[in-house]
């Protein structure tokens, strides 16, 4: 069951639309890790994304559709570096 969900999420297109630094629309969202007024951390089909700013609030979240809207002053969008393919011994052991 989980493998089917993972494949369908990975196929979701990932787009970011920022309107005037005050409204952010993101597609390809798999899950939201955490959020507060200054930081929103989410998993997308293209990796971990951190949104930083002030007065941030999640306006709409649809995990089934992979969509997220954030309002507030956006200062930065930052993707975490992708892990190396294959990884080390321990990462392969615990897959």
Foldseek 3Di string as FASTA:
>chain_A
DVVVVLVVLLPWDWDWDQDPQFKIKIAQWQAWDDDDQAWTWTAGSVAIKIWGDGRKDWPDDDNVRRMTMIGDHTDDIDGDDDDDPPDDPVVVVVD
